[in-house]
Structure formats: structure tokens, C-alpha cells
Protein backbone atom coordinates (compact mmCIF):
# COMPACT_ATOMS: atom_id res chain seq x y z
CA MET A 1 -10.17 7.93 60.62
CA TRP A 2 -8.35 8.16 57.29
CA LYS A 3 -5.55 5.93 58.55
CA SER A 4 -7.86 2.99 59.25
CA ILE A 5 -9.49 3.32 55.80
CA VAL A 6 -6.12 3.48 54.03
CA LYS A 7 -4.52 0.64 56.04
CA LYS A 8 -7.35 -1.75 55.10
CA GLN A 9 -6.72 -1.01 51.40
CA MET A 10 -2.95 -1.33 51.75
CA ARG A 11 -3.29 -5.03 52.67
CA TYR A 12 -4.00 -5.79 48.99
CA ASN A 13 -1.82 -3.13 47.41
CA ARG A 14 1.18 -4.21 45.29
CA ASN A 15 1.96 -0.79 43.78
CA HIS A 16 5.24 0.59 45.15
CA GLU A 17 4.43 4.17 44.08
CA ILE A 18 1.24 4.18 46.18
CA ALA A 19 3.08 2.60 49.11
CA ARG A 20 5.75 5.37 49.12
CA LYS A 21 3.08 8.10 49.13
CA ILE A 22 1.11 6.48 51.96
CA ASN A 23 4.36 6.07 53.93
CA LEU A 24 4.99 9.81 53.53
CA PHE A 25 1.50 10.64 54.83
CA LEU A 26 1.88 8.32 57.83
CA GLU A 27 5.33 9.80 58.65
CA ALA A 28 3.92 13.34 58.56
CA ASP A 29 1.04 12.28 60.82
CA LYS A 30 3.44 10.59 63.24
CA LEU A 31 5.77 13.63 63.48
CA LYS A 32 2.90 16.12 63.31
CA ASN A 33 5.15 18.08 60.94
CA VAL A 34 4.87 17.93 57.14
CA ASP A 35 8.11 19.85 56.54
CA LEU A 36 10.19 17.50 58.72
CA ALA A 37 8.63 14.36 57.18
CA CYS A 38 9.40 15.60 53.67
CA LYS A 39 13.03 16.36 54.62
CA ARG A 40 13.51 12.89 56.15
CA LEU A 41 12.07 11.02 53.16
CA GLY A 42 13.46 13.36 50.48
CA TYR A 43 10.29 14.93 49.03
CA LYS A 44 9.17 18.49 48.41
CA ARG A 45 6.27 19.92 50.39
CA SER A 46 4.43 20.63 47.12
CA TYR A 47 4.65 16.91 46.30
CA TYR A 48 3.08 16.05 49.67
CA TYR A 49 0.19 18.48 49.36
CA TYR A 50 -0.53 17.60 45.74
CA TRP A 51 -0.99 13.90 46.47
CA TRP A 52 -2.63 14.49 49.89
CA ASN A 53 -5.32 16.62 48.24
CA ARG A 54 -5.77 13.96 45.53
CA LEU A 55 -6.30 11.29 48.21
CA LYS A 56 -8.67 13.51 50.13
CA LYS A 57 -10.78 14.34 47.03
CA GLY A 58 -10.89 10.63 46.18
CA ASN A 59 -12.63 9.86 49.53
CA TRP A 60 -9.45 8.16 50.83
CA ASN A 61 -9.41 5.63 47.99
CA ILE A 62 -5.75 4.82 47.33
CA SER A 63 -6.43 4.43 43.57
CA ALA A 64 -6.51 8.27 43.52
CA LEU A 65 -2.73 8.13 44.06
CA LEU A 66 -2.15 6.49 40.66
CA LYS A 67 -0.75 8.66 37.87
CA ARG A 68 -3.33 9.72 35.29
CA SER A 69 -2.89 10.46 31.63
CA THR A 70 -2.10 14.09 30.86
CA ARG A 71 -3.51 13.76 27.36
CA PRO A 72 -6.13 16.48 26.68
CA LYS A 73 -9.71 15.29 26.31
CA SER A 74 -10.16 17.42 23.20
CA HIS A 75 -7.91 19.12 20.66
CA PRO A 76 -8.74 21.97 18.28
CA ASN A 77 -6.87 20.30 15.37
CA THR A 78 -8.52 16.88 15.69
CA THR A 79 -9.91 15.63 12.37
CA LYS A 80 -13.69 16.03 12.37
CA PRO A 81 -15.79 12.84 12.59
CA ARG A 82 -17.49 13.51 9.23
CA ILE A 83 -14.07 13.69 7.51
CA VAL A 84 -12.95 10.47 9.24
CA LYS A 85 -16.18 8.82 8.06
CA LEU A 86 -15.55 10.05 4.50
CA ILE A 87 -11.95 8.74 4.56
CA LYS A 88 -13.14 5.31 5.72
CA LYS A 89 -15.83 5.27 3.02
CA ILE A 90 -13.34 6.06 0.23
CA ARG A 91 -10.91 3.45 1.56
CA THR A 92 -13.64 0.77 1.74
CA GLN A 93 -14.99 1.51 -1.76
CA THR A 94 -11.67 1.93 -3.59
CA GLY A 95 -8.83 0.51 -1.47
CA TYR A 96 -6.83 3.72 -2.12
CA GLY A 97 -3.80 4.61 -0.01
CA PRO A 98 -3.35 7.86 2.00
CA GLY A 99 -1.84 9.88 -0.89
CA ARG A 100 -4.60 9.06 -3.34
CA ILE A 101 -7.35 9.58 -0.74
CA ALA A 102 -5.87 13.03 -0.01
CA TYR A 103 -5.97 13.81 -3.75
CA TYR A 104 -9.65 12.86 -4.07
CA LEU A 105 -10.63 14.72 -0.88
CA LYS A 106 -9.14 17.87 -2.40
CA LYS A 107 -10.52 17.25 -5.90
CA ASP A 108 -14.07 16.11 -5.08
CA HIS A 109 -14.74 17.62 -1.63
CA ASN A 110 -12.34 20.60 -1.44
CA LEU A 111 -10.81 19.25 1.79
CA ASP A 112 -7.10 19.64 2.59
CA VAL A 113 -6.04 16.64 4.68
CA ALA A 114 -2.38 15.61 4.87
CA PRO A 115 -1.59 12.05 3.66
CA SER A 116 0.20 11.42 6.98
CA THR A 117 -3.01 12.29 8.86
CA ILE A 118 -5.03 9.97 6.61
CA GLY A 119 -2.47 7.20 7.16
CA TYR A 120 -2.74 7.63 10.94
CA ILE A 121 -6.56 7.49 10.77
CA LEU A 122 -6.50 4.34 8.63
CA LYS A 123 -4.05 2.63 11.01
CA ARG A 124 -6.11 3.66 14.03
CA GLU A 125 -9.26 2.26 12.43
CA GLY A 126 -7.49 -1.01 11.57
CA MET A 127 -7.73 -0.40 7.81
CA ILE A 128 -3.95 -0.58 7.25
CA LEU A 129 -2.11 -3.66 8.45
CA SER A 130 1.66 -3.52 8.84
CA LYS A 131 3.46 -6.34 7.02
CA PRO A 132 7.03 -7.52 7.55
CA ARG A 133 9.25 -6.34 4.72
CA LYS A 134 11.05 -8.90 2.62
CA ASN A 135 14.76 -8.53 1.98
CA GLN A 136 14.98 -7.77 -1.73
CA LYS A 137 17.76 -6.60 -3.98
CA LYS A 138 17.79 -2.82 -4.22
CA HIS A 139 17.15 -1.37 -7.64
CA THR A 140 18.29 2.23 -7.48
CA ARG A 141 18.21 2.95 -11.21
CA ARG A 142 15.13 4.95 -12.21
CA TYR A 143 14.21 5.42 -15.83
CA GLN A 144 11.28 6.29 -18.06
CA MET A 145 11.17 5.84 -21.80
CA PRO A 146 10.61 9.05 -23.78
CA ASN A 147 7.92 7.76 -26.15
CA PRO A 148 4.95 5.38 -25.93
CA GLY A 149 5.83 1.92 -27.24
CA ASP A 150 9.59 2.25 -26.65
CA LEU A 151 9.27 -0.38 -23.91
CA VAL A 152 6.22 -2.40 -22.84
CA GLN A 153 6.62 -4.54 -19.72
CA MET A 154 4.62 -7.79 -19.60
CA ASP A 155 4.01 -10.27 -16.80
CA VAL A 156 1.50 -12.77 -15.36
CA LYS A 157 -0.22 -12.52 -11.96
CA TYR A 158 -2.17 -15.23 -10.16
CA VAL A 159 -5.74 -14.20 -9.34
CA PRO A 160 -5.39 -14.20 -5.51
CA TYR A 161 -8.32 -16.54 -4.83
CA LEU A 162 -9.85 -19.63 -6.41
CA ILE A 163 -13.14 -19.37 -8.28
CA ARG A 164 -15.20 -22.54 -7.97
CA GLY A 165 -12.00 -24.39 -7.17
CA GLU A 166 -10.20 -23.15 -10.30
CA GLN A 167 -7.08 -20.97 -10.51
CA TYR A 168 -7.10 -18.08 -13.01
CA TYR A 169 -4.29 -15.90 -14.32
CA GLN A 170 -4.01 -12.22 -15.16
CA PHE A 171 -1.84 -11.30 -18.16
CA THR A 172 -0.71 -7.67 -18.01
CA ALA A 173 1.20 -5.32 -20.30
CA ILE A 174 2.08 -1.74 -19.34
CA ASP A 175 3.70 1.00 -21.39
CA ASP A 176 6.80 2.31 -19.61
CA CYS A 177 6.29 5.88 -20.80
CA SER A 178 2.57 6.56 -20.30
CA ARG A 179 1.58 3.73 -17.86
CA TRP A 180 -1.19 2.78 -20.29
CA ARG A 181 -2.18 -0.80 -19.52
CA PHE A 182 -3.77 -3.72 -21.30
CA ALA A 183 -4.73 -6.81 -19.30
CA ASP A 184 -7.00 -9.83 -19.45
CA ILE A 185 -7.91 -12.91 -17.39
CA TYR A 186 -7.20 -16.45 -18.66
CA PRO A 187 -8.02 -19.90 -17.25
CA GLU A 188 -4.46 -21.12 -17.86
CA LYS A 189 -0.87 -19.86 -17.96
CA SER A 190 0.32 -21.26 -21.28
CA THR A 191 1.77 -20.41 -24.68
CA TRP A 192 -1.78 -20.39 -26.06
CA ALA A 193 -2.80 -17.70 -23.56
CA THR A 194 0.37 -15.73 -24.34
CA LYS A 195 -0.32 -15.89 -28.08
CA ASP A 196 -3.93 -14.76 -27.67
CA PHE A 197 -2.98 -11.97 -25.26
CA VAL A 198 -0.10 -10.56 -27.33
CA ASN A 199 -2.19 -10.55 -30.53
CA LYS A 200 -4.90 -8.62 -28.66
CA LEU A 201 -2.28 -6.27 -27.21
CA ILE A 202 -0.83 -5.43 -30.64
CA LYS A 203 -4.33 -4.81 -31.98
CA GLU A 204 -5.51 -2.68 -29.02
CA ALA A 205 -2.35 -0.63 -28.35
CA PRO A 206 -2.79 2.96 -29.60
CA PHE A 207 0.92 3.08 -30.53
CA PRO A 208 3.42 0.79 -32.31
CA ILE A 209 5.26 -1.50 -29.87
CA ARG A 210 9.02 -1.51 -30.43
CA CYS A 211 10.20 -3.54 -27.43
CA LEU A 212 8.44 -6.10 -25.23
CA GLN A 213 10.09 -6.93 -21.90
CA THR A 214 9.28 -10.13 -19.98
CA ASP A 215 10.78 -12.44 -17.39
CA GLY A 216 12.10 -15.92 -18.20
CA GLY A 217 8.87 -17.85 -17.57
CA THR A 218 8.09 -20.69 -19.97
CA GLU A 219 4.93 -18.86 -21.04
CA PHE A 220 7.23 -16.21 -22.56
CA THR A 221 10.42 -17.98 -23.67
CA ASN A 222 12.18 -21.32 -24.14
CA PHE A 223 15.59 -19.81 -23.37
CA TYR A 224 15.81 -21.35 -19.89
CA VAL A 225 14.25 -24.69 -20.83
CA SER A 226 16.99 -27.33 -20.65
CA ASP A 227 17.08 -30.76 -22.29
CA PRO A 228 19.93 -33.09 -21.22
CA LYS A 229 19.76 -34.91 -24.58
CA CYS A 230 20.49 -31.80 -26.64
CA VAL A 231 22.74 -29.55 -24.55
CA LEU A 232 24.38 -27.92 -27.55
CA LYS A 233 21.17 -27.36 -29.51
CA LYS A 234 19.51 -23.96 -29.49
CA PRO A 235 16.14 -23.89 -27.69
CA LYS A 236 13.03 -24.18 -29.82
CA MET A 237 11.68 -20.83 -30.97
CA HIS A 238 8.87 -19.69 -28.70
CA ILE A 239 5.51 -18.54 -30.11
CA LEU A 240 6.08 -15.10 -28.53
CA ASP A 241 9.37 -14.72 -30.39
CA LYS A 242 7.60 -15.62 -33.65
CA ILE A 243 4.90 -12.98 -33.07
CA CYS A 244 7.54 -10.37 -32.19
CA ALA A 245 9.51 -11.19 -35.34
CA GLU A 246 6.37 -10.86 -37.50
CA HIS A 247 5.63 -7.37 -36.10
CA ASN A 248 9.23 -6.14 -35.89
CA ILE A 249 9.19 -6.08 -32.07
CA ARG A 250 12.28 -6.70 -29.98
CA HIS A 251 11.69 -9.30 -27.25
CA LYS A 252 13.84 -8.45 -24.21
CA LEU A 253 14.33 -10.84 -21.26
CA ILE A 254 15.17 -9.53 -17.79
CA PRO A 255 17.92 -11.39 -15.84
CA PRO A 256 16.76 -14.20 -13.53
CA SER A 257 15.57 -13.23 -10.02
CA THR A 258 15.31 -9.50 -10.83
CA PRO A 259 11.57 -8.67 -10.84
CA GLN A 260 12.43 -5.08 -9.88
CA ILE A 261 13.56 -4.46 -13.49
CA ASN A 262 9.96 -5.13 -14.47
CA GLY A 263 8.96 -2.80 -11.64
CA LYS A 264 6.18 -0.88 -13.36
CA VAL A 265 4.14 -3.96 -14.20
CA GLU A 266 4.86 -5.42 -10.74
CA ARG A 267 3.65 -2.19 -9.10
CA SER A 268 0.51 -2.22 -11.24
CA HIS A 269 -0.20 -5.75 -9.98
CA ARG A 270 -0.05 -4.44 -6.43
CA ILE A 271 -2.59 -1.76 -7.37
CA ASP A 272 -4.86 -4.50 -8.77
CA GLU A 273 -4.52 -6.37 -5.49
CA GLU A 274 -5.37 -3.36 -3.32
CA GLU A 275 -8.01 -1.64 -5.42
CA PHE A 276 -9.73 -4.46 -7.30
CA TYR A 277 -9.29 -7.95 -5.84
CA ARG A 278 -9.61 -6.89 -2.18
CA ILE A 279 -12.78 -4.88 -2.79
CA LYS A 280 -14.88 -7.81 -3.99
CA GLN A 281 -14.54 -11.54 -4.60
CA PHE A 282 -16.27 -12.86 -7.73
CA LYS A 283 -18.15 -16.16 -7.81
CA ASP A 284 -17.70 -17.03 -11.48
CA TYR A 285 -15.20 -16.47 -14.29
CA ARG A 286 -17.50 -14.38 -16.48
CA SER A 287 -18.32 -11.80 -13.79
CA LEU A 288 -14.62 -11.60 -12.83
CA LYS A 289 -13.58 -10.99 -16.43
CA ASN A 290 -16.28 -8.39 -17.16
CA ASN A 291 -15.59 -6.45 -13.97
CA PHE A 292 -11.85 -6.66 -14.56
CA LEU A 293 -12.17 -5.14 -18.05
CA ASP A 294 -14.18 -2.28 -16.51
CA TRP A 295 -11.44 -1.83 -13.90
CA ILE A 296 -8.71 -1.62 -16.57
CA ASN A 297 -10.77 0.99 -18.44
CA ARG A 298 -11.09 2.98 -15.19
CA TYR A 299 -7.36 2.56 -14.54
CA ASN A 300 -6.48 4.01 -17.94
CA HIS A 301 -9.03 6.83 -18.14
CA GLN A 302 -10.04 7.86 -14.60
CA ARG A 303 -7.43 6.87 -12.04
CA PRO A 304 -4.64 9.48 -11.57
CA HIS A 305 -1.17 7.93 -11.33
CA GLY A 306 1.37 9.17 -8.80
CA GLY A 307 4.31 8.22 -11.04
CA ILE A 308 3.18 10.61 -13.81
CA ASN A 309 2.28 13.64 -11.66
CA MET A 310 -1.31 12.55 -10.94
CA GLN A 311 -2.25 12.36 -14.61
CA THR A 312 -4.30 9.50 -15.95
CA PRO A 313 -2.43 7.16 -18.34
CA ALA A 314 -4.85 8.18 -21.12
CA HIS A 315 -4.06 11.86 -20.58
CA LYS A 316 -0.29 11.26 -20.53
CA LEU A 317 -0.61 9.08 -23.64
CA TYR A 318 -2.63 11.75 -25.46
CA ARG A 319 -0.03 14.42 -24.69
CA LYS A 320 2.87 12.19 -25.69
CA LEU A 321 1.25 11.03 -28.93
CA ASN A 322 0.54 14.64 -29.94
CA GLN A 323 4.25 15.39 -29.47
CA TYR A 324 5.46 12.14 -30.98
CA LEU A 325 3.35 11.77 -34.14
CA PRO A 326 4.54 14.99 -35.88
CA MET A 327 8.15 13.79 -35.38
CA VAL A 328 7.28 10.46 -37.04
CA VAL A 329 5.56 12.21 -39.95
CA GLU A 330 8.61 14.46 -40.47
CA LYS A 331 10.96 11.45 -40.49
CA LEU A 332 8.78 9.58 -42.98
CA ALA A 333 8.56 12.65 -45.24
CA ALA A 334 12.35 13.03 -45.18
């Protein structure tokens, strides 16, 4: 009886593993001896009985001879659904990565979840997309200035989407020591915007700026602007150089094609991308600018920074200024 049922199914079978098992069963039936059939075809008796019982329990359906997953249906260490839901909620609202989500789960909810576990959950839920890495020059030198204002990195970022068909630009300055940031949105990338931004920066910075580091863009310098008619002439003094000279600030240019030297401001732009621009798209310039200023305030005063041992920039700045100001007073008194 079983042979006729199986043979009908074998007409449409293309699986070699099933065919070998059925051949073993037919050989054993022909010889009327399981032990002899297994010896001839090179199988153990336990193998025969295991798959014969599987076929029998499956009502002679040959699909029962397919290998099944040995993965357990449940696991005692599986992350609970409520924690997964909370992780997804934090990711959606903030755009934080696994390390920062783990920090907030511990801080706000008293939950210990490994960043690697959070990363796996986010990938599984399709909330982290893998991107091909670009081949960039390695920058192995790591440094951090000892005092606020020793070095302020400045750069411009394109707002990643158009607003009513217009492109806007984010000017950013970050203190190398404390990671304190000042930034603003402008409708153009020009010397006028640079002048306005730097004057605001000098006014708003809670410390004296001694060095300002930028790339060689024309919004920051005329050093790389060439004129074939006056090869030997020095380039015209840029408005940024004039402002730096007035306030006794050194203007430092990074070498061409080395954005990694301005790594702290570049990394802060990536944070803006992940935790501000991806969360919401704004329909007009005013709402973008107002929300962006709130975001910078939150960045400075509420968001812990992994590069400064999960302190906020404001907290690091406060500690550094309390150490630094008495030294300045002593030098002035001397």
C-alpha cells in the first residue's frame, strides 16, 4: 500500500535526498531484510528507522523526508517583546544608534541590554541599513585639545533635502575640547553667511576662541582661488581672515582632500543627519531654523556624547572652565 502512494509522488520529485531514502526503503522491502539493505547501500540501521518513522508519521507524504530546522521554537534569553517595542520607539523618535539606546534604556528604564543585541534587533526590524564603505585615507592620529577654545573646527553641510525647491546650508562650529557646538541655517553658502555666522559664534561662545580650523572652501578662504592674470600676486584677504585678525584668532586651513582632520565637525554632521534630518522633514525655512536651534540646544545640554565619556558638552565645558579660569586669573595677576 505505501509503495503505491510513494511511487505516485516520486514521479514529480526532483530532490535527490528524498530519492535516496525512498530507494533504501524499497531495497529493504525487496530483500525483506533491513540490515542487509543498509549494508548494501552504506547506511546505518538507525538512519533507516529514523526516516522510516518520519515517513510513516507523515501519512506516507514524501515531504516528511525533508530536513527540518533544528532551531528551538523558544529561548529563555530572547529579548522580551515589550523591550523590543521600546527599542524601536526610541530609534524612531531619536534616530539613536545601539550604544546610545543602551545608555538610555539603563538610565531611564533601568534595563541592561547589550548594544550588540540592540544592533541585531534594529537590523532584524529593518531599522539599520548596511551601506557600502567608501575607501578613505586612514587618519590614525587621535588628539583632543586641553582647554575650550584652543581649537574650534568649522564647516558647512548641505541640508539633505530641498525646501520649496530651495537649497539651504548648515554652518557648524564645534569646540575640539568640550564638543560644545554652535550652528545655524542659511539660505546661501557665501562670504556674507560666513561673516554673519562667525560674528554670532564669537558672541555666543562661552570661551575665547584662539584657533579656528576650516577647509579650503571659498566661503572660508581665498588661498586656493587662482587668477591667471596675477599669478604672482597674493590672494585677496578673505572676510574671515579679517574677522580673525580683529579678534586675535588664528585661522588654520586643513590640507586639501583631508576632511578627516576636521573629523569632529564631520562626525557631528553625521549625528545631525541621523538624529535630526531623518526624523522629520520641514516644509518651510522658518520651521526648519527654529527646530534646528532647539536641536542644537538639546545637543549641547541633554545629549550625552560617547567621545567624552557620555557627558553632555555643557557638562564637560563647565568642568573644564572651572579648571581653566583660575589658571587664567593667576597668569593675569602675575
